[in-house]
Amino acid sequence: MMKTPVHPGEILREDVLAELGLGVSEAASRLGISHVALSRVLHGHARISPNLAVRLEEAGVGTARAWLGMQTAHDLAAERASGPHKVRSLTDVA
C-alpha cells in the first residue's frame, strides 16, 4: 500500500512560512485571505484551492500548477487508501 503524500498545507507551513519567519496572520494578510482560511489549509483541514494556488504563485512561492499537483496527489492517494469502489467496466459489453 502506498503512503499518502503529505498535505501541501504542511509543506507550506513547514518549508515556506517557517523558513521565511512568517506567522499565519502576516502570511494571510499578504496573500489577501483570512487568517482562518489559511490556518485550515496549513493544518490539513482544507484543500489548497485554485484561488490559493494562484495567490501563492503571485506571491512568489512556487507555481500554481505545483501546488495543485501536490493537492491532487494527496487527494488521490487518500481516496485510493479508502478502499475499492463498487464499479463495473464501461468497456465490457455483455
PDB file of N, CA and C in Angstrom:
ATOM      1  N   MET A   1       0.844  -1.193   0.000  1.00  0.00           N
ATOM      2  CA  MET A   1       0.000   0.000   0.000  1.00  0.00           C
ATOM      3  C   MET A   1       0.880   1.244   0.000  1.00  0.00           C
ATOM      4  N   MET A   2       0.535   2.205  -0.857  1.00  0.00           N
ATOM      5  CA  MET A   2       1.302   3.438  -0.926  1.00  0.00           C
ATOM      6  C   MET A   2       0.958   4.353   0.242  1.00  0.00           C
ATOM      7  N   LYS A   3       1.963   5.054   0.711  1.00  0.00           N
ATOM      8  CA  LYS A   3       1.761   6.028   1.764  1.00  0.00           C
ATOM      9  C   LYS A   3       1.155   7.296   1.156  1.00  0.00           C
ATOM     10  N   THR A   4       0.200   7.883   1.840  1.00  0.00           N
ATOM     11  CA  THR A   4      -0.412   9.118   1.364  1.00  0.00           C
ATOM     12  C   THR A   4       0.608  10.251   1.414  1.00  0.00           C
ATOM     13  N   PRO A   5       0.793  10.982   0.309  1.00  0.00           N
ATOM     14  CA  PRO A   5       1.718  12.124   0.328  1.00  0.00           C
ATOM     15  C   PRO A   5       1.276  13.147   1.367  1.00  0.00           C
ATOM     16  N   VAL A   6       2.236  13.863   1.878  1.00  0.00           N
ATOM     17  CA  VAL A   6       1.947  14.880   2.876  1.00  0.00           C
ATOM     18  C   VAL A   6       0.998  15.924   2.286  1.00  0.00           C
ATOM     19  N   HIS A   7       0.126  16.458   3.122  1.00  0.00           N
ATOM     20  CA  HIS A   7      -0.789  17.517   2.696  1.00  0.00           C
ATOM     21  C   HIS A   7       0.051  18.749   2.335  1.00  0.00           C
ATOM     22  N   PRO A   8      -0.246  19.389   1.203  1.00  0.00           N
ATOM     23  CA  PRO A   8       0.558  20.544   0.803  1.00  0.00           C
ATOM     24  C   PRO A   8       0.508  21.704   1.796  1.00  0.00           C
ATOM     25  N   GLY A   9      -0.522  21.760   2.628  1.00  0.00           N
ATOM     26  CA  GLY A   9      -0.567  22.787   3.674  1.00  0.00           C
ATOM     27  C   GLY A   9       0.571  22.630   4.664  1.00  0.00           C
ATOM     28  N   GLU A  10       0.952  21.382   4.927  1.00  0.00           N
ATOM     29  CA  GLU A  10       2.079  21.129   5.823  1.00  0.00           C
ATOM     30  C   GLU A  10       3.381  21.615   5.193  1.00  0.00           C
ATOM     31  N   ILE A  11       3.516  21.408   3.898  1.00  0.00           N
ATOM     32  CA  ILE A  11       4.702  21.899   3.189  1.00  0.00           C
ATOM     33  C   ILE A  11       4.741  23.422   3.234  1.00  0.00           C
ATOM     34  N   LEU A  12       3.600  24.040   2.999  1.00  0.00           N
ATOM     35  CA  LEU A  12       3.514  25.494   3.064  1.00  0.00           C
ATOM     36  C   LEU A  12       3.874  25.990   4.463  1.00  0.00           C
ATOM     37  N   ARG A  13       3.360  25.314   5.482  1.00  0.00           N
ATOM     38  CA  ARG A  13       3.613  25.719   6.873  1.00  0.00           C
ATOM     39  C   ARG A  13       5.074  25.536   7.259  1.00  0.00           C
ATOM     40  N   GLU A  14       5.623  24.333   7.009  1.00  0.00           N
ATOM     41  CA  GLU A  14       6.954  23.984   7.494  1.00  0.00           C
ATOM     42  C   GLU A  14       8.090  24.467   6.593  1.00  0.00           C
ATOM     43  N   ASP A  15       7.904  24.341   5.281  1.00  0.00           N
ATOM     44  CA  ASP A  15       9.003  24.627   4.360  1.00  0.00           C
ATOM     45  C   ASP A  15       8.994  26.037   3.791  1.00  0.00           C
ATOM     46  N   VAL A  16       7.854  26.694   3.858  1.00  0.00           N
ATOM     47  CA  VAL A  16       7.782  28.043   3.289  1.00  0.00           C
ATOM     48  C   VAL A  16       7.652  29.084   4.398  1.00  0.00           C
ATOM     49  N   LEU A  17       6.537  29.060   5.104  1.00  0.00           N
ATOM     50  CA  LEU A  17       6.297  30.120   6.096  1.00  0.00           C
ATOM     51  C   LEU A  17       7.317  30.100   7.227  1.00  0.00           C
ATOM     52  N   ALA A  18       7.625  28.907   7.738  1.00  0.00           N
ATOM     53  CA  ALA A  18       8.604  28.820   8.830  1.00  0.00           C
ATOM     54  C   ALA A  18       9.974  29.317   8.378  1.00  0.00           C
ATOM     55  N   GLU A  19      10.366  28.923   7.166  1.00  0.00           N
ATOM     56  CA  GLU A  19      11.666  29.354   6.634  1.00  0.00           C
ATOM     57  C   GLU A  19      11.721  30.869   6.437  1.00  0.00           C
ATOM     58  N   LEU A  20      10.599  31.453   6.079  1.00  0.00           N
ATOM     59  CA  LEU A  20      10.539  32.905   5.866  1.00  0.00           C
ATOM     60  C   LEU A  20      10.291  33.669   7.166  1.00  0.00           C
ATOM     61  N   GLY A  21      10.008  32.937   8.235  1.00  0.00           N
ATOM     62  CA  GLY A  21       9.724  33.579   9.512  1.00  0.00           C
ATOM     63  C   GLY A  21       8.388  34.295   9.534  1.00  0.00           C
ATOM     64  N   LEU A  22       7.443  33.804   8.730  1.00  0.00           N
ATOM     65  CA  LEU A  22       6.121  34.428   8.663  1.00  0.00           C
ATOM     66  C   LEU A  22       5.113  33.659   9.502  1.00  0.00           C
ATOM     67  N   GLY A  23       4.341  34.387  10.283  1.00  0.00           N
ATOM     68  CA  GLY A  23       3.240  33.781  11.016  1.00  0.00           C
ATOM     69  C   GLY A  23       2.010  33.684  10.130  1.00  0.00           C
ATOM     70  N   VAL A  24       1.012  33.001  10.630  1.00  0.00           N
ATOM     71  CA  VAL A  24      -0.210  32.793   9.862  1.00  0.00           C
ATOM     72  C   VAL A  24      -0.891  34.120   9.537  1.00  0.00           C
ATOM     73  N   SER A  25      -1.006  34.986  10.504  1.00  0.00           N
ATOM     74  CA  SER A  25      -1.708  36.258  10.271  1.00  0.00           C
ATOM     75  C   SER A  25      -1.016  37.102   9.224  1.00  0.00           C
ATOM     76  N   GLU A  26       0.303  37.210   9.310  1.00  0.00           N
ATOM     77  CA  GLU A  26       1.049  38.019   8.343  1.00  0.00           C
ATOM     78  C   GLU A  26       0.970  37.406   6.942  1.00  0.00           C
ATOM     79  N   ALA A  27       1.128  36.093   6.867  1.00  0.00           N
ATOM     80  CA  ALA A  27       1.058  35.417   5.567  1.00  0.00           C
ATOM     81  C   ALA A  27      -0.333  35.568   4.962  1.00  0.00           C
ATOM     82  N   ALA A  28      -1.369  35.397   5.776  1.00  0.00           N
ATOM     83  CA  ALA A  28      -2.749  35.541   5.285  1.00  0.00           C
ATOM     84  C   ALA A  28      -2.982  36.954   4.774  1.00  0.00           C
ATOM     85  N   SER A  29      -2.506  37.930   5.506  1.00  0.00           N
ATOM     86  CA  SER A  29      -2.659  39.327   5.086  1.00  0.00           C
ATOM     87  C   SER A  29      -1.968  39.572   3.751  1.00  0.00           C
ATOM     88  N   ARG A  30      -0.758  39.050   3.596  1.00  0.00           N
ATOM     89  CA  ARG A  30      -0.011  39.242   2.343  1.00  0.00           C
ATOM     90  C   ARG A  30      -0.676  38.519   1.174  1.00  0.00           C
ATOM     91  N   LEU A  31      -1.315  37.392   1.459  1.00  0.00           N
ATOM     92  CA  LEU A  31      -1.993  36.628   0.413  1.00  0.00           C
ATOM     93  C   LEU A  31      -3.401  37.146   0.119  1.00  0.00           C
ATOM     94  N   GLY A  32      -3.911  38.004   0.987  1.00  0.00           N
ATOM     95  CA  GLY A  32      -5.246  38.563   0.787  1.00  0.00           C
ATOM     96  C   GLY A  32      -6.363  37.590   1.129  1.00  0.00           C
ATOM     97  N   ILE A  33      -6.099  36.705   2.103  1.00  0.00           N
ATOM     98  CA  ILE A  33      -7.127  35.763   2.558  1.00  0.00           C
ATOM     99  C   ILE A  33      -7.236  35.862   4.072  1.00  0.00           C
ATOM    100  N   SER A  34      -8.262  35.237   4.630  1.00  0.00           N
ATOM    101  CA  SER A  34      -8.452  35.316   6.075  1.00  0.00           C
ATOM    102  C   SER A  34      -7.467  34.411   6.818  1.00  0.00           C
ATOM    103  N   HIS A  35      -7.195  34.801   8.032  1.00  0.00           N
ATOM    104  CA  HIS A  35      -6.337  34.019   8.927  1.00  0.00           C
ATOM    105  C   HIS A  35      -6.903  32.608   9.089  1.00  0.00           C
ATOM    106  N   VAL A  36      -8.209  32.511   9.282  1.00  0.00           N
ATOM    107  CA  VAL A  36      -8.871  31.218   9.491  1.00  0.00           C
ATOM    108  C   VAL A  36      -8.733  30.334   8.259  1.00  0.00           C
ATOM    109  N   ALA A  37      -8.946  30.907   7.074  1.00  0.00           N
ATOM    110  CA  ALA A  37      -8.842  30.123   5.838  1.00  0.00           C
ATOM    111  C   ALA A  37      -7.441  29.556   5.669  1.00  0.00           C
ATOM    112  N   LEU A  38      -6.423  30.381   5.894  1.00  0.00           N
ATOM    113  CA  LEU A  38      -5.046  29.903   5.750  1.00  0.00           C
ATOM    114  C   LEU A  38      -4.709  28.884   6.828  1.00  0.00           C
ATOM    115  N   SER A  39      -5.139  29.115   8.037  1.00  0.00           N
ATOM    116  CA  SER A  39      -4.878  28.179   9.125  1.00  0.00           C
ATOM    117  C   SER A  39      -5.461  26.801   8.835  1.00  0.00           C
ATOM    118  N   ARG A  40      -6.659  26.765   8.274  1.00  0.00           N
ATOM    119  CA  ARG A  40      -7.288  25.482   7.933  1.00  0.00           C
ATOM    120  C   ARG A  40      -6.465  24.721   6.902  1.00  0.00           C
ATOM    121  N   VAL A  41      -5.911  25.427   5.930  1.00  0.00           N
ATOM    122  CA  VAL A  41      -5.050  24.778   4.927  1.00  0.00           C
ATOM    123  C   VAL A  41      -3.764  24.296   5.587  1.00  0.00           C
ATOM    124  N   LEU A  42      -3.138  25.132   6.378  1.00  0.00           N
ATOM    125  CA  LEU A  42      -1.855  24.793   6.996  1.00  0.00           C
ATOM    126  C   LEU A  42      -1.943  23.577   7.903  1.00  0.00           C
ATOM    127  N   HIS A  43      -3.123  23.336   8.456  1.00  0.00           N
ATOM    128  CA  HIS A  43      -3.299  22.198   9.366  1.00  0.00           C
ATOM    129  C   HIS A  43      -4.002  21.014   8.704  1.00  0.00           C
ATOM    130  N   GLY A  44      -4.147  21.075   7.384  1.00  0.00           N
ATOM    131  CA  GLY A  44      -4.695  19.948   6.639  1.00  0.00           C
ATOM    132  C   GLY A  44      -6.195  19.775   6.736  1.00  0.00           C
ATOM    133  N   HIS A  45      -6.904  20.801   7.197  1.00  0.00           N
ATOM    134  CA  HIS A  45      -8.360  20.724   7.326  1.00  0.00           C
ATOM    135  C   HIS A  45      -9.084  21.266   6.100  1.00  0.00           C
ATOM    136  N   ALA A  46      -8.321  21.877   5.187  1.00  0.00           N
ATOM    137  CA  ALA A  46      -8.884  22.391   3.943  1.00  0.00           C
ATOM    138  C   ALA A  46      -7.856  22.178   2.836  1.00  0.00           C
ATOM    139  N   ARG A  47      -8.366  22.104   1.612  1.00  0.00           N
ATOM    140  CA  ARG A  47      -7.516  21.872   0.449  1.00  0.00           C
ATOM    141  C   ARG A  47      -6.907  23.188  -0.038  1.00  0.00           C
ATOM    142  N   ILE A  48      -5.813  23.068  -0.766  1.00  0.00           N
ATOM    143  CA  ILE A  48      -5.295  24.224  -1.494  1.00  0.00           C
ATOM    144  C   ILE A  48      -6.169  24.361  -2.732  1.00  0.00           C
ATOM    145  N   SER A  49      -6.900  25.439  -2.794  1.00  0.00           N
ATOM    146  CA  SER A  49      -7.823  25.688  -3.911  1.00  0.00           C
ATOM    147  C   SER A  49      -7.057  26.306  -5.074  1.00  0.00           C
ATOM    148  N   PRO A  50      -7.661  26.292  -6.258  1.00  0.00           N
ATOM    149  CA  PRO A  50      -7.035  27.004  -7.377  1.00  0.00           C
ATOM    150  C   PRO A  50      -6.788  28.489  -7.043  1.00  0.00           C
ATOM    151  N   ASN A  51      -7.716  29.103  -6.329  1.00  0.00           N
ATOM    152  CA  ASN A  51      -7.565  30.506  -5.942  1.00  0.00           C
ATOM    153  C   ASN A  51      -6.320  30.693  -5.081  1.00  0.00           C
ATOM    154  N   LEU A  52      -6.149  29.860  -4.062  1.00  0.00           N
ATOM    155  CA  LEU A  52      -4.983  29.981  -3.188  1.00  0.00           C
ATOM    156  C   LEU A  52      -3.711  29.642  -3.954  1.00  0.00           C
ATOM    157  N   ALA A  53      -3.774  28.654  -4.825  1.00  0.00           N
ATOM    158  CA  ALA A  53      -2.596  28.285  -5.610  1.00  0.00           C
ATOM    159  C   ALA A  53      -2.116  29.461  -6.457  1.00  0.00           C
ATOM    160  N   VAL A  54      -3.044  30.172  -7.081  1.00  0.00           N
ATOM    161  CA  VAL A  54      -2.676  31.338  -7.889  1.00  0.00           C
ATOM    162  C   VAL A  54      -2.117  32.440  -6.999  1.00  0.00           C
ATOM    163  N   ARG A  55      -2.721  32.644  -5.844  1.00  0.00           N
ATOM    164  CA  ARG A  55      -2.218  33.666  -4.914  1.00  0.00           C
ATOM    165  C   ARG A  55      -0.794  33.337  -4.469  1.00  0.00           C
ATOM    166  N   LEU A  56      -0.529  32.058  -4.184  1.00  0.00           N
ATOM    167  CA  LEU A  56       0.826  31.656  -3.791  1.00  0.00           C
ATOM    168  C   LEU A  56       1.810  31.918  -4.923  1.00  0.00           C
ATOM    169  N   GLU A  57       1.405  31.603  -6.148  1.00  0.00           N
ATOM    170  CA  GLU A  57       2.259  31.871  -7.308  1.00  0.00           C
ATOM    171  C   GLU A  57       2.532  33.362  -7.439  1.00  0.00           C
ATOM    172  N   GLU A  58       1.480  34.163  -7.319  1.00  0.00           N
ATOM    173  CA  GLU A  58       1.635  35.618  -7.438  1.00  0.00           C
ATOM    174  C   GLU A  58       2.494  36.193  -6.315  1.00  0.00           C
ATOM    175  N   ALA A  59       2.532  35.501  -5.170  1.00  0.00           N
ATOM    176  CA  ALA A  59       3.342  35.938  -4.032  1.00  0.00           C
ATOM    177  C   ALA A  59       4.783  35.432  -4.135  1.00  0.00           C
ATOM    178  N   GLY A  60       5.080  34.689  -5.208  1.00  0.00           N
ATOM    179  CA  GLY A  60       6.449  34.241  -5.431  1.00  0.00           C
ATOM    180  C   GLY A  60       6.825  32.943  -4.763  1.00  0.00           C
ATOM    181  N   VAL A  61       5.808  32.131  -4.442  1.00  0.00           N
ATOM    182  CA  VAL A  61       6.069  30.870  -3.738  1.00  0.00           C
ATOM    183  C   VAL A  61       5.654  29.707  -4.635  1.00  0.00           C
ATOM    184  N   GLY A  62       6.507  29.350  -5.575  1.00  0.00           N
ATOM    185  CA  GLY A  62       6.221  28.232  -6.461  1.00  0.00           C
ATOM    186  C   GLY A  62       5.197  28.595  -7.523  1.00  0.00           C
ATOM    187  N   THR A  63       4.731  27.552  -8.213  1.00  0.00           N
ATOM    188  CA  THR A  63       3.741  27.764  -9.262  1.00  0.00           C
ATOM    189  C   THR A  63       2.389  27.213  -8.808  1.00  0.00           C
ATOM    190  N   ALA A  64       1.351  27.786  -9.359  1.00  0.00           N
ATOM    191  CA  ALA A  64       0.002  27.310  -9.049  1.00  0.00           C
ATOM    192  C   ALA A  64      -0.124  25.838  -9.427  1.00  0.00           C
ATOM    193  N   ARG A  65       0.434  25.473 -10.566  1.00  0.00           N
ATOM    194  CA  ARG A  65       0.371  24.084 -11.040  1.00  0.00           C
ATOM    195  C   ARG A  65       1.038  23.131 -10.034  1.00  0.00           C
ATOM    196  N   ALA A  66       2.158  23.544  -9.468  1.00  0.00           N
ATOM    197  CA  ALA A  66       2.855  22.688  -8.492  1.00  0.00           C
ATOM    198  C   ALA A  66       2.012  22.500  -7.232  1.00  0.00           C
ATOM    199  N   TRP A  67       1.423  23.585  -6.732  1.00  0.00           N
ATOM    200  CA  TRP A  67       0.589  23.476  -5.524  1.00  0.00           C
ATOM    201  C   TRP A  67      -0.625  22.596  -5.773  1.00  0.00           C
ATOM    202  N   LEU A  68      -1.262  22.781  -6.929  1.00  0.00           N
ATOM    203  CA  LEU A  68      -2.428  21.955  -7.243  1.00  0.00           C
ATOM    204  C   LEU A  68      -2.024  20.511  -7.496  1.00  0.00           C
ATOM    205  N   GLY A  69      -0.854  20.306  -8.065  1.00  0.00           N
ATOM    206  CA  GLY A  69      -0.353  18.948  -8.263  1.00  0.00           C
ATOM    207  C   GLY A  69      -0.138  18.225  -6.946  1.00  0.00           C
ATOM    208  N   MET A  70       0.434  18.931  -5.978  1.00  0.00           N
ATOM    209  CA  MET A  70       0.630  18.335  -4.645  1.00  0.00           C
ATOM    210  C   MET A  70      -0.711  17.998  -4.008  1.00  0.00           C
ATOM    211  N   GLN A  71      -1.679  18.910  -4.149  1.00  0.00           N
ATOM    212  CA  GLN A  71      -3.001  18.668  -3.560  1.00  0.00           C
ATOM    213  C   GLN A  71      -3.665  17.478  -4.222  1.00  0.00           C
ATOM    214  N   THR A  72      -3.577  17.389  -5.542  1.00  0.00           N
ATOM    215  CA  THR A  72      -4.184  16.280  -6.273  1.00  0.00           C
ATOM    216  C   THR A  72      -3.533  14.954  -5.893  1.00  0.00           C
ATOM    217  N   ALA A  73      -2.218  14.935  -5.785  1.00  0.00           N
ATOM    218  CA  ALA A  73      -1.520  13.705  -5.386  1.00  0.00           C
ATOM    219  C   ALA A  73      -1.977  13.251  -4.001  1.00  0.00           C
ATOM    220  N   HIS A  74      -2.124  14.192  -3.091  1.00  0.00           N
ATOM    221  CA  HIS A  74      -2.593  13.877  -1.735  1.00  0.00           C
ATOM    222  C   HIS A  74      -4.017  13.333  -1.775  1.00  0.00           C
ATOM    223  N   ASP A  75      -4.895  14.002  -2.507  1.00  0.00           N
ATOM    224  CA  ASP A  75      -6.295  13.597  -2.591  1.00  0.00           C
ATOM    225  C   ASP A  75      -6.456  12.218  -3.225  1.00  0.00           C
ATOM    226  N   LEU A  76      -5.724  11.955  -4.308  1.00  0.00           N
ATOM    227  CA  LEU A  76      -5.825  10.656  -4.981  1.00  0.00           C
ATOM    228  C   LEU A  76      -5.336   9.523  -4.085  1.00  0.00           C
ATOM    229  N   ALA A  77      -4.225   9.744  -3.410  1.00  0.00           N
ATOM    230  CA  ALA A  77      -3.698   8.704  -2.523  1.00  0.00           C
ATOM    231  C   ALA A  77      -4.674   8.424  -1.385  1.00  0.00           C
ATOM    232  N   ALA A  78      -5.260   9.465  -0.828  1.00  0.00           N
ATOM    233  CA  ALA A  78      -6.236   9.286   0.259  1.00  0.00           C
ATOM    234  C   ALA A  78      -7.462   8.527  -0.238  1.00  0.00           C
ATOM    235  N   GLU A  79      -7.912   8.845  -1.435  1.00  0.00           N
ATOM    236  CA  GLU A  79      -9.080   8.156  -1.993  1.00  0.00           C
ATOM    237  C   GLU A  79      -8.774   6.687  -2.252  1.00  0.00           C
ATOM    238  N   ARG A  80      -7.615   6.411  -2.811  1.00  0.00           N
ATOM    239  CA  ARG A  80      -7.240   5.018  -3.075  1.00  0.00           C
ATOM    240  C   ARG A  80      -7.082   4.232  -1.782  1.00  0.00           C
ATOM    241  N   ALA A  81      -6.597   4.890  -0.740  1.00  0.00           N
ATOM    242  CA  ALA A  81      -6.420   4.227   0.550  1.00  0.00           C
ATOM    243  C   ALA A  81      -7.752   3.923   1.226  1.00  0.00           C
ATOM    244  N   SER A  82      -8.814   4.598   0.791  1.00  0.00           N
ATOM    245  CA  SER A  82     -10.125   4.391   1.417  1.00  0.00           C
ATOM    246  C   SER A  82     -10.756   3.062   1.018  1.00  0.00           C
ATOM    247  N   GLY A  83     -10.162   2.384   0.045  1.00  0.00           N
ATOM    248  CA  GLY A  83     -10.661   1.073  -0.350  1.00  0.00           C
ATOM    249  C   GLY A  83     -11.284   1.086  -1.725  1.00  0.00           C
ATOM    250  N   PRO A  84     -11.540  -0.108  -2.248  1.00  0.00           N
ATOM    251  CA  PRO A  84     -12.088  -0.197  -3.602  1.00  0.00           C
ATOM    252  C   PRO A  84     -13.547   0.258  -3.662  1.00  0.00           C
ATOM    253  N   HIS A  85     -13.926   0.683  -4.833  1.00  0.00           N
ATOM    254  CA  HIS A  85     -15.299   1.106  -5.079  1.00  0.00           C
ATOM    255  C   HIS A  85     -16.028   0.011  -5.849  1.00  0.00           C
ATOM    256  N   LYS A  86     -17.315  -0.034  -5.711  1.00  0.00           N
ATOM    257  CA  LYS A  86     -18.109  -0.996  -6.478  1.00  0.00           C
ATOM    258  C   LYS A  86     -18.387  -0.394  -7.838  1.00  0.00           C
ATOM    259  N   VAL A  87     -17.620  -0.841  -8.813  1.00  0.00           N
ATOM    260  CA  VAL A  87     -17.804  -0.354 -10.177  1.00  0.00           C
ATOM    261  C   VAL A  87     -17.756  -1.536 -11.137  1.00  0.00           C
ATOM    262  N   ARG A  88     -18.322  -1.326 -12.290  1.00  0.00           N
ATOM    263  CA  ARG A  88     -18.241  -2.308 -13.367  1.00  0.00           C
ATOM    264  C   ARG A  88     -17.609  -1.635 -14.573  1.00  0.00           C
ATOM    265  N   SER A  89     -16.969  -2.420 -15.383  1.00  0.00           N
ATOM    266  CA  SER A  89     -16.299  -1.895 -16.564  1.00  0.00           C
ATOM    267  C   SER A  89     -17.287  -1.204 -17.489  1.00  0.00           C
ATOM    268  N   LEU A  90     -16.861  -0.110 -18.056  1.00  0.00           N
ATOM    269  CA  LEU A  90     -17.660   0.584 -19.059  1.00  0.00           C
ATOM    270  C   LEU A  90     -17.386   0.031 -20.460  1.00  0.00           C
ATOM    271  N   THR A  91     -16.285  -0.708 -20.599  1.00  0.00           N
ATOM    272  CA  THR A  91     -15.897  -1.163 -21.925  1.00  0.00           C
ATOM    273  C   THR A  91     -16.318  -2.599 -22.224  1.00  0.00           C
ATOM    274  N   ASP A  92     -16.637  -3.375 -21.187  1.00  0.00           N
ATOM    275  CA  ASP A  92     -17.103  -4.749 -21.419  1.00  0.00           C
ATOM    276  C   ASP A  92     -18.568  -4.724 -21.776  1.00  0.00           C
ATOM    277  N   VAL A  93     -18.869  -5.160 -22.985  1.00  0.00           N
ATOM    278  CA  VAL A  93     -20.255  -5.187 -23.449  1.00  0.00           C
ATOM    279  C   VAL A  93     -20.767  -6.628 -23.295  1.00  0.00           C
ATOM    280  N   ALA A  94     -21.828  -6.756 -22.576  1.00  0.00           N
ATOM    281  CA  ALA A  94     -22.367  -8.123 -22.354  1.00  0.00           C
ATOM    282  C   ALA A  94     -23.695  -8.313 -23.047  1.00  0.00           C
TER     283      ALA A  94
END
